[in-house]
Amino acid sequence: MNREQQQLHINMMQPVENCKVATVWKRASPICAGRGQADQHLFNRRRGLQSPPFRTFMNTELLIDFEAFWQRLAEDIACARDRVWVQTFSFEGDVIGKSLASALQVSSATDKRLLVDSFSKIVVSDRFLYVPRNFFDSKLRSEVLDTAKLQRLLDNSRVQVRYGNPFSISPRASLNRNHKKLVLIDSNIAYIGGMNFSEHNASWHDMMIRISDCDIAAFLNSDFDAAWHGRSIYSTKNFPGIQISTLDGRSNKLAFAKVFDLLDAAEESIIVESPYVTFPFYERLRAAHDRGVRVTIITPRENNFSHFADYARWETRRGGIELRLLRNGMSHLKAILIDGRYLIAGSSNFDFLSYRVYQEILAIITEPSTITDFRERVLDVDLRNSDRAEELVGTTSLRTRLRVRLLNAGLTLLLE
């Protein structure tokens, strides 16, 4: 356990002493009436987005990195009375998983559920369990046993636990993972974003968005309930300042068509932050660069899948795109900011799997104060903490380029 993980361990063990419903209201600056707003409203309507009113009250809070997320979530779980529903891609029996389990156990909520994708049954701590060398890794096997014990403990504490999307002999069904990260508290609070409940994930740079809104919570409740009963549904709905889409792994192209419309209409700048950007997103980014749009990609220098950093160098170099490599460890944060007006966030990594087969949550945010907050607390900081790729020594290997092209061809053949 490194120093960051040790400190996180200490902080996770701190009890929530008071049940305090702390709601952060973010009040946007008035939007000036006139030609600019009329043009913005028309642009949004053509792309199926809802323009915010003259003065927007969108109750959101950006939670940067796991400690901030957990502190806020622990308060909400402690205050919950009716419902705590948690959906995650990874859940492991380490300090993070145990802290979540403990919070759920002592919560007074009457309906407590944990929905985990079956990915967690075969991959633990980013390691595939059924590789021969991992059979003899006592630490890894111990964590697997701890996770099973934790599940039994939750079952005995009236916390319902289910593993969704079981693997099958169908290649498409096996690839069709539920990649959503979603927490629902009572009837009015929802968390969306990229954070999982495992120790190694919690040490990464990432973001969750806390939304306090009954209509948005109800919309996402329906999606969670469908997933809980083994169904995946595609749905899109506009709310003031935000459009939210739940992707079912079959109709994802419909939701991403709106993202592509925004990329294709970009006039000044596109900034993408993600560890795993792939085709078909690079094609749109190259086209934007060719139109004169400044395109920047921020990705971790120390990627948990090292070939992605290598691949990003190749794609950005051939497309003339600025690549910035984050220092100081892994980043799992995923977001796109277009012309400073459209913030795209959620669980999608903007890769081929998200585009075609993963079940995701995708949000397009137009609320100005949330975008300003993201710009100041995420992008400005990450741009300062990154280096231009051309200033670093390194070339892209032929092996990486071939691997990506074969992956593209193989997945296309498999899924078409």
Protein backbone atom coordinates (compact mmCIF):
# COMPACT_ATOMS: atom_id res chain seq x y z
CA MET A 1 0.00 0.00 0.00
CA ASN A 2 1.55 3.33 -1.06
CA ARG A 3 1.40 6.60 0.91
CA GLU A 4 -1.72 7.87 -0.90
CA GLN A 5 -3.54 4.59 -0.27
CA GLN A 6 -2.49 4.61 3.41
CA GLN A 7 -3.89 8.12 3.88
CA LEU A 8 -7.07 7.13 2.04
CA HIS A 9 -7.35 4.09 4.32
CA ILE A 10 -7.14 6.34 7.38
CA ASN A 11 -9.71 8.79 6.02
CA MET A 12 -12.12 6.00 5.07
CA MET A 13 -12.08 4.73 8.62
CA GLN A 14 -13.28 8.06 10.03
CA PRO A 15 -16.92 7.76 11.15
CA VAL A 16 -19.67 10.06 9.94
CA GLU A 17 -20.55 11.74 13.22
CA ASN A 18 -23.54 13.80 12.18
CA CYS A 19 -26.34 13.18 9.76
CA LYS A 20 -26.32 16.48 7.94
CA VAL A 21 -28.07 17.03 4.65
CA ALA A 22 -25.66 19.46 3.07
CA THR A 23 -27.04 20.60 -0.25
CA VAL A 24 -24.82 22.76 -2.41
CA TRP A 25 -26.78 25.11 -4.63
CA LYS A 26 -24.89 26.32 -7.67
CA ARG A 27 -26.43 29.49 -9.03
CA ALA A 28 -25.52 30.45 -12.55
CA SER A 29 -24.75 33.97 -13.59
CA PRO A 30 -27.54 35.63 -15.57
CA ILE A 31 -27.37 34.92 -19.29
CA CYS A 32 -27.57 38.13 -21.28
CA ALA A 33 -30.54 38.23 -23.61
CA GLY A 34 -29.85 38.95 -27.25
CA ARG A 35 -28.44 37.45 -30.43
CA GLY A 36 -25.91 35.20 -28.68
CA GLN A 37 -28.54 33.49 -26.56
CA ALA A 38 -30.93 33.12 -29.49
CA ASP A 39 -28.19 31.46 -31.55
CA GLN A 40 -27.31 29.16 -28.64
CA HIS A 41 -30.95 28.20 -28.15
CA LEU A 42 -31.38 27.40 -31.88
CA PHE A 43 -28.16 25.37 -31.88
CA ASN A 44 -29.37 23.35 -28.90
CA ARG A 45 -32.81 22.72 -30.39
CA ARG A 46 -31.33 21.37 -33.62
CA ARG A 47 -29.34 18.84 -31.59
CA GLY A 48 -32.14 17.80 -29.27
CA LEU A 49 -30.70 19.62 -26.26
CA GLN A 50 -32.66 21.79 -23.86
CA SER A 51 -31.38 25.32 -23.41
CA PRO A 52 -31.20 26.60 -19.85
CA PRO A 53 -33.53 29.45 -18.92
CA PHE A 54 -32.21 32.98 -18.31
CA ARG A 55 -31.27 32.06 -14.76
CA THR A 56 -30.48 28.38 -14.12
CA PHE A 57 -30.73 26.63 -10.75
CA MET A 58 -29.13 23.26 -11.33
CA ASN A 59 -28.25 21.57 -8.07
CA THR A 60 -24.97 19.83 -8.91
CA GLU A 61 -21.70 19.26 -7.14
CA LEU A 62 -18.49 18.07 -8.79
CA LEU A 63 -16.61 15.69 -6.53
CA ILE A 64 -12.98 15.38 -7.58
CA ASP A 65 -11.16 12.21 -6.53
CA PHE A 66 -12.39 9.49 -4.24
CA GLU A 67 -11.90 11.09 -0.84
CA ALA A 68 -14.23 14.00 -1.70
CA PHE A 69 -16.73 11.59 -3.24
CA TRP A 70 -16.71 9.26 -0.26
CA GLN A 71 -17.07 12.04 2.30
CA ARG A 72 -20.18 13.33 0.52
CA LEU A 73 -21.63 9.88 -0.16
CA ALA A 74 -21.11 8.68 3.43
CA GLU A 75 -23.13 11.66 4.65
CA ASP A 76 -25.94 10.90 2.21
CA ILE A 77 -26.03 7.20 3.10
CA ALA A 78 -26.12 8.06 6.81
CA CYS A 79 -29.07 10.41 6.23
CA ALA A 80 -31.01 8.11 3.88
CA ARG A 81 -34.41 6.91 5.06
CA ASP A 82 -36.05 5.16 2.13
CA ARG A 83 -33.49 4.01 -0.44
CA VAL A 84 -29.79 3.52 -1.09
CA TRP A 85 -29.12 1.92 -4.47
CA VAL A 86 -25.51 1.49 -5.61
CA GLN A 87 -24.43 0.34 -9.06
CA THR A 88 -20.76 -0.25 -9.84
CA PHE A 89 -18.54 -1.93 -12.39
CA SER A 90 -16.05 -3.13 -9.77
CA PHE A 91 -16.56 -4.02 -6.12
CA GLU A 92 -13.77 -5.66 -4.14
CA GLY A 93 -13.26 -6.85 -0.57
CA ASP A 94 -10.59 -4.31 0.31
CA VAL A 95 -10.74 -1.21 2.52
CA ILE A 96 -12.93 0.65 0.00
CA GLY A 97 -15.40 -2.19 -0.46
CA LYS A 98 -15.53 -2.79 3.28
CA SER A 99 -16.17 0.89 3.98
CA LEU A 100 -19.10 0.91 1.56
CA ALA A 101 -20.43 -2.30 3.08
CA SER A 102 -20.18 -0.85 6.58
CA ALA A 103 -22.02 2.32 5.55
CA LEU A 104 -24.80 0.25 3.96
CA GLN A 105 -25.10 -2.01 7.00
CA VAL A 106 -25.69 0.82 9.47
CA SER A 107 -27.87 2.90 7.15
CA SER A 108 -31.49 3.34 8.29
CA ALA A 109 -32.77 3.15 4.71
CA THR A 110 -35.42 0.48 4.22
CA ASP A 111 -34.34 -0.51 0.70
CA LYS A 112 -30.59 -1.08 0.29
CA ARG A 113 -29.17 -2.64 -2.86
CA LEU A 114 -25.77 -3.20 -4.43
CA LEU A 115 -25.63 -4.09 -8.14
CA VAL A 116 -22.23 -5.18 -9.46
CA ASP A 117 -21.33 -6.16 -12.99
CA SER A 118 -20.09 -9.74 -13.34
CA PHE A 119 -16.79 -8.30 -14.56
CA SER A 120 -15.85 -8.24 -10.86
CA LYS A 121 -16.11 -12.02 -10.74
CA ILE A 122 -13.25 -12.52 -13.18
CA VAL A 123 -11.11 -9.37 -12.76
CA VAL A 124 -9.85 -8.26 -9.34
CA SER A 125 -7.34 -5.45 -8.83
CA ASP A 126 -7.05 -5.14 -12.62
CA ARG A 127 -5.91 -8.76 -12.87
CA PHE A 128 -7.69 -11.54 -14.73
CA LEU A 129 -8.22 -14.33 -12.23
CA TYR A 130 -7.93 -17.17 -14.69
CA VAL A 131 -4.40 -16.53 -15.91
CA PRO A 132 -2.32 -19.47 -14.63
CA ARG A 133 0.20 -17.34 -12.71
CA ASN A 134 -2.63 -15.73 -10.73
CA PHE A 135 -3.78 -19.09 -9.37
CA PHE A 136 -0.70 -19.06 -7.12
CA ASP A 137 -0.95 -15.43 -5.99
CA SER A 138 -1.99 -15.77 -2.35
CA LYS A 139 -2.72 -12.05 -1.90
CA LEU A 140 -5.03 -12.00 -4.94
CA ARG A 141 -6.82 -15.19 -3.89
CA SER A 142 -7.26 -13.75 -0.39
CA GLU A 143 -8.92 -10.65 -1.84
CA VAL A 144 -11.29 -12.85 -3.84
CA LEU A 145 -12.26 -14.70 -0.65
CA ASP A 146 -12.67 -11.41 1.23
CA THR A 147 -15.04 -10.15 -1.47
CA ALA A 148 -17.18 -13.29 -1.18
CA LYS A 149 -17.25 -12.93 2.62
CA LEU A 150 -18.29 -9.31 2.28
CA GLN A 151 -21.17 -10.27 0.03
CA ARG A 152 -22.39 -12.84 2.56
CA LEU A 153 -22.11 -10.25 5.32
CA LEU A 154 -24.23 -7.81 3.33
CA ASP A 155 -26.81 -10.49 2.54
CA ASN A 156 -27.12 -11.18 6.27
CA SER A 157 -27.54 -7.46 6.97
CA ARG A 158 -30.59 -6.98 4.74
CA VAL A 159 -28.54 -5.42 1.96
CA GLN A 160 -29.49 -7.05 -1.34
CA VAL A 161 -26.52 -7.85 -3.59
CA ARG A 162 -26.72 -8.93 -7.21
CA TYR A 163 -24.19 -9.51 -9.98
CA GLY A 164 -25.61 -8.41 -13.31
CA ASN A 165 -24.80 -9.30 -16.90
CA PRO A 166 -23.60 -12.89 -16.40
CA PHE A 167 -21.08 -14.18 -18.92
CA SER A 168 -22.22 -16.64 -21.57
CA ILE A 169 -20.92 -18.44 -24.64
CA SER A 170 -22.16 -15.56 -26.81
CA PRO A 171 -19.24 -13.21 -27.56
CA ARG A 172 -21.53 -10.21 -27.73
CA ALA A 173 -23.22 -11.03 -24.42
CA SER A 174 -19.82 -11.46 -22.78
CA LEU A 175 -18.65 -8.09 -24.08
CA ASN A 176 -21.92 -6.39 -23.13
CA ARG A 177 -20.85 -5.15 -19.69
CA ASN A 178 -22.81 -2.73 -17.51
CA HIS A 179 -20.17 -0.03 -17.10
CA LYS A 180 -22.40 2.43 -15.20
CA LYS A 181 -21.40 4.01 -11.90
CA LEU A 182 -24.57 5.20 -10.21
CA VAL A 183 -25.72 5.86 -6.66
CA LEU A 184 -29.32 6.78 -5.79
CA ILE A 185 -30.32 8.11 -2.38
CA ASP A 186 -34.02 8.33 -1.43
CA SER A 187 -36.04 10.05 -4.15
CA ASN A 188 -33.93 13.11 -4.86
CA ILE A 189 -30.17 12.44 -4.99
CA ALA A 190 -28.17 10.81 -7.78
CA TYR A 191 -24.45 10.35 -8.32
CA ILE A 192 -23.05 9.67 -11.79
CA GLY A 193 -19.48 9.47 -13.04
CA GLY A 194 -16.51 7.14 -13.22
CA MET A 195 -15.64 5.85 -9.74
CA ASN A 196 -15.73 2.21 -8.68
CA PHE A 197 -15.53 0.70 -5.21
CA SER A 198 -12.08 -0.84 -5.07
CA GLU A 199 -8.85 0.31 -3.48
CA HIS A 200 -6.77 0.65 -6.62
CA ASN A 201 -9.57 2.57 -8.40
CA ALA A 202 -9.94 4.88 -5.41
CA SER A 203 -6.28 5.93 -5.65
CA TRP A 204 -6.83 7.23 -9.21
CA HIS A 205 -7.77 10.73 -10.32
CA ASP A 206 -11.49 10.67 -11.14
CA MET A 207 -14.78 12.54 -10.83
CA MET A 208 -18.36 11.97 -9.73
CA ILE A 209 -21.26 14.39 -10.15
CA ARG A 210 -23.79 14.67 -7.34
CA ILE A 211 -27.20 15.85 -8.54
CA SER A 212 -30.04 16.78 -6.20
CA ASP A 213 -33.16 16.74 -8.35
CA CYS A 214 -36.28 14.59 -7.97
CA ASP A 215 -36.99 14.31 -11.71
CA ILE A 216 -33.44 13.26 -12.58
CA ALA A 217 -33.38 10.79 -9.69
CA ALA A 218 -36.70 9.28 -10.85
CA PHE A 219 -35.34 8.91 -14.40
CA LEU A 220 -32.23 7.11 -13.17
CA ASN A 221 -34.23 5.03 -10.68
CA SER A 222 -36.07 3.49 -13.62
CA ASP A 223 -32.81 2.54 -15.28
CA PHE A 224 -31.39 1.00 -12.10
CA ASP A 225 -34.60 -0.97 -11.53
CA ALA A 226 -34.46 -2.34 -15.08
CA ALA A 227 -30.82 -3.40 -14.64
CA TRP A 228 -31.66 -4.95 -11.26
CA HIS A 229 -34.18 -7.18 -13.02
CA GLY A 230 -31.79 -8.10 -15.83
CA ARG A 231 -32.99 -5.64 -18.46
CA SER A 232 -31.04 -2.93 -20.25
CA ILE A 233 -32.94 0.04 -21.64
CA TYR A 234 -32.03 2.97 -23.84
CA SER A 235 -33.55 6.27 -22.79
CA THR A 236 -32.79 9.96 -23.16
CA LYS A 237 -34.38 12.85 -21.35
CA ASN A 238 -33.80 16.60 -21.19
CA PHE A 239 -33.75 18.47 -17.92
CA PRO A 240 -32.89 22.13 -17.33
CA GLY A 241 -29.19 22.44 -18.02
CA ILE A 242 -28.53 18.75 -18.65
CA GLN A 243 -29.47 15.92 -20.98
CA ILE A 244 -29.01 12.40 -19.60
CA SER A 245 -28.92 9.22 -21.66
CA THR A 246 -28.86 5.67 -20.37
CA LEU A 247 -27.22 3.39 -22.94
CA ASP A 248 -28.27 -0.23 -23.35
CA GLY A 249 -25.28 -1.57 -25.30
CA ARG A 250 -27.36 -1.98 -28.46
CA SER A 251 -28.54 1.53 -29.31
CA ASN A 252 -25.47 3.44 -28.16
CA LYS A 253 -24.92 4.99 -31.58
CA LEU A 254 -28.10 7.03 -31.10
CA ALA A 255 -26.76 8.76 -28.00
CA PHE A 256 -23.28 9.23 -29.41
CA ALA A 257 -24.73 10.74 -32.59
CA LYS A 258 -25.58 13.78 -30.46
CA VAL A 259 -22.01 13.87 -29.15
CA PHE A 260 -20.69 13.64 -32.71
CA ASP A 261 -23.00 16.48 -33.78
CA LEU A 262 -21.45 18.68 -31.10
CA LEU A 263 -17.91 17.65 -32.08
CA ASP A 264 -18.68 18.31 -35.75
CA ALA A 265 -20.11 21.75 -34.92
CA ALA A 266 -17.21 22.81 -32.66
CA GLU A 267 -15.78 26.18 -33.66
CA GLU A 268 -12.95 26.94 -31.25
CA SER A 269 -11.81 24.17 -28.95
CA ILE A 270 -12.31 20.56 -27.89
CA ILE A 271 -10.63 19.23 -24.76
CA VAL A 272 -10.93 15.50 -24.05
CA GLU A 273 -9.80 13.92 -20.81
CA SER A 274 -9.86 10.11 -20.73
CA PRO A 275 -7.40 7.25 -20.28
CA TYR A 276 -8.75 5.08 -23.09
CA VAL A 277 -9.87 7.17 -26.11
CA THR A 278 -10.08 5.08 -29.30
CA PHE A 279 -11.85 4.97 -32.65
CA PRO A 280 -14.38 6.20 -33.76
CA PHE A 281 -13.77 9.29 -31.60
CA TYR A 282 -10.33 10.01 -33.03
CA GLU A 283 -11.83 10.31 -36.52
CA ARG A 284 -14.12 13.12 -35.35
CA LEU A 285 -11.30 14.81 -33.46
CA ARG A 286 -9.01 14.72 -36.52
CA ALA A 287 -11.79 16.21 -38.65
CA ALA A 288 -12.27 19.00 -36.11
CA HIS A 289 -8.54 19.73 -36.14
CA ASP A 290 -8.60 19.89 -39.93
CA ARG A 291 -11.35 22.55 -39.68
CA GLY A 292 -9.08 24.70 -37.53
CA VAL A 293 -10.47 23.71 -34.10
CA ARG A 294 -7.87 23.40 -31.37
CA VAL A 295 -8.10 19.81 -30.10
CA THR A 296 -6.38 18.68 -26.92
CA ILE A 297 -6.38 15.24 -25.29
CA ILE A 298 -5.34 14.78 -21.67
CA THR A 299 -4.48 11.21 -20.70
CA PRO A 300 -2.34 9.65 -17.95
CA ARG A 301 1.31 9.04 -18.64
CA GLU A 302 1.17 6.05 -16.28
CA ASN A 303 -1.81 4.20 -17.73
CA ASN A 304 -2.97 0.97 -16.08
CA PHE A 305 -3.08 -0.40 -19.64
CA SER A 306 0.24 0.89 -20.95
CA HIS A 307 -0.50 0.41 -24.63
CA PHE A 308 -3.21 3.10 -24.48
CA ALA A 309 -0.66 5.85 -23.80
CA ASP A 310 1.42 4.52 -26.69
CA TYR A 311 -1.64 4.40 -28.95
CA ALA A 312 -2.63 7.96 -27.98
CA ARG A 313 0.81 9.20 -29.08
CA TRP A 314 0.37 7.59 -32.48
CA GLU A 315 -3.19 8.81 -33.06
CA THR A 316 -2.54 12.37 -31.96
CA ARG A 317 0.72 12.65 -33.87
CA ARG A 318 -0.85 11.57 -37.15
CA GLY A 319 -3.89 13.79 -36.55
CA GLY A 320 -2.05 16.92 -35.46
CA ILE A 321 -3.81 16.83 -32.10
CA GLU A 322 -2.18 18.19 -28.96
CA LEU A 323 -1.54 15.39 -26.47
CA ARG A 324 -0.84 16.13 -22.83
CA LEU A 325 0.31 13.38 -20.48
CA LEU A 326 -0.69 13.72 -16.84
CA ARG A 327 2.00 13.30 -14.23
CA ASN A 328 1.64 11.69 -10.80
CA GLY A 329 -0.15 8.44 -11.47
CA MET A 330 -3.23 7.06 -13.12
CA SER A 331 -6.24 9.16 -14.12
CA HIS A 332 -9.59 7.51 -14.76
CA LEU A 333 -11.48 10.77 -15.29
CA LYS A 334 -13.49 11.03 -18.49
CA ALA A 335 -15.03 14.20 -19.91
CA ILE A 336 -15.18 16.35 -23.05
CA LEU A 337 -15.52 20.13 -23.07
CA ILE A 338 -16.59 21.65 -26.40
CA ASP A 339 -16.17 25.39 -27.02
CA GLY A 340 -16.48 25.96 -23.28
CA ARG A 341 -20.26 25.47 -23.63
CA TYR A 342 -20.92 21.73 -23.63
CA LEU A 343 -19.57 19.36 -20.98
CA ILE A 344 -19.95 15.66 -21.74
CA ALA A 345 -19.42 13.39 -18.75
CA GLY A 346 -20.57 10.13 -17.19
CA SER A 347 -19.19 6.61 -17.30
CA SER A 348 -18.11 6.43 -20.96
CA ASN A 349 -14.40 6.29 -21.75
CA PHE A 350 -15.07 7.49 -25.33
CA ASP A 351 -13.78 4.23 -26.73
CA PHE A 352 -15.08 1.56 -29.08
CA LEU A 353 -16.60 -0.58 -26.32
CA SER A 354 -18.58 2.37 -24.95
CA TYR A 355 -19.67 3.27 -28.46
CA ARG A 356 -20.91 -0.21 -29.34
CA VAL A 357 -21.51 -2.64 -26.48
CA TYR A 358 -21.14 -1.23 -22.98
CA GLN A 359 -24.13 -0.03 -20.97
CA GLU A 360 -23.29 3.53 -19.93
CA ILE A 361 -24.61 6.79 -18.52
CA LEU A 362 -23.92 9.81 -20.70
CA ALA A 363 -24.65 13.39 -19.64
CA ILE A 364 -24.45 16.52 -21.80
CA ILE A 365 -24.31 19.52 -19.49
CA THR A 366 -25.04 23.06 -20.67
CA GLU A 367 -25.48 24.70 -17.25
CA PRO A 368 -22.86 27.49 -17.15
CA SER A 369 -21.78 27.40 -13.50
CA THR A 370 -21.16 23.64 -13.56
CA ILE A 371 -19.04 24.07 -16.69
CA THR A 372 -17.10 26.91 -15.06
CA ASP A 373 -16.52 24.77 -11.98
CA PHE A 374 -15.25 21.90 -14.15
CA ARG A 375 -12.98 24.22 -16.08
CA GLU A 376 -11.45 25.76 -12.95
CA ARG A 377 -11.19 22.69 -10.70
CA VAL A 378 -10.42 19.97 -13.25
CA LEU A 379 -9.14 21.17 -16.62
CA ASP A 380 -7.02 24.10 -15.47
CA VAL A 381 -5.42 21.95 -12.77
CA ASP A 382 -4.82 18.96 -15.05
CA LEU A 383 -3.37 21.11 -17.83
CA ARG A 384 -0.86 22.51 -15.33
CA ASN A 385 -0.04 19.01 -14.10
CA SER A 386 0.68 17.57 -17.54
CA ASP A 387 3.42 17.69 -20.18
CA ARG A 388 3.18 18.02 -23.93
CA ALA A 389 3.83 14.60 -25.44
CA GLU A 390 6.41 15.83 -27.95
CA GLU A 391 8.56 17.07 -25.10
CA LEU A 392 8.93 13.48 -23.89
CA VAL A 393 11.11 10.79 -25.38
CA GLY A 394 9.26 7.85 -26.84
CA THR A 395 7.92 6.41 -30.06
CA THR A 396 4.89 4.36 -30.85
CA SER A 397 5.66 0.72 -31.50
CA LEU A 398 4.52 -1.11 -34.58
CA ARG A 399 3.15 -3.75 -32.23
CA THR A 400 0.77 -1.25 -30.62
CA ARG A 401 -0.50 0.02 -33.98
CA LEU A 402 -1.10 -3.51 -35.23
CA ARG A 403 -2.83 -4.48 -31.98
CA VAL A 404 -5.27 -1.58 -32.24
CA ARG A 405 -6.03 -2.20 -35.91
CA LEU A 406 -6.63 -5.89 -35.28
CA LEU A 407 -8.90 -5.01 -32.34
CA ASN A 408 -10.85 -2.64 -34.56
CA ALA A 409 -11.28 -5.23 -37.31
CA GLY A 410 -12.08 -8.08 -34.91
CA LEU A 411 -14.70 -6.20 -32.89
CA THR A 412 -16.33 -4.79 -36.02
CA LEU A 413 -16.57 -8.28 -37.53
CA LEU A 414 -17.88 -9.71 -34.26
CA LEU A 415 -20.54 -7.08 -33.63
CA GLU A 416 -21.83 -6.20 -37.08
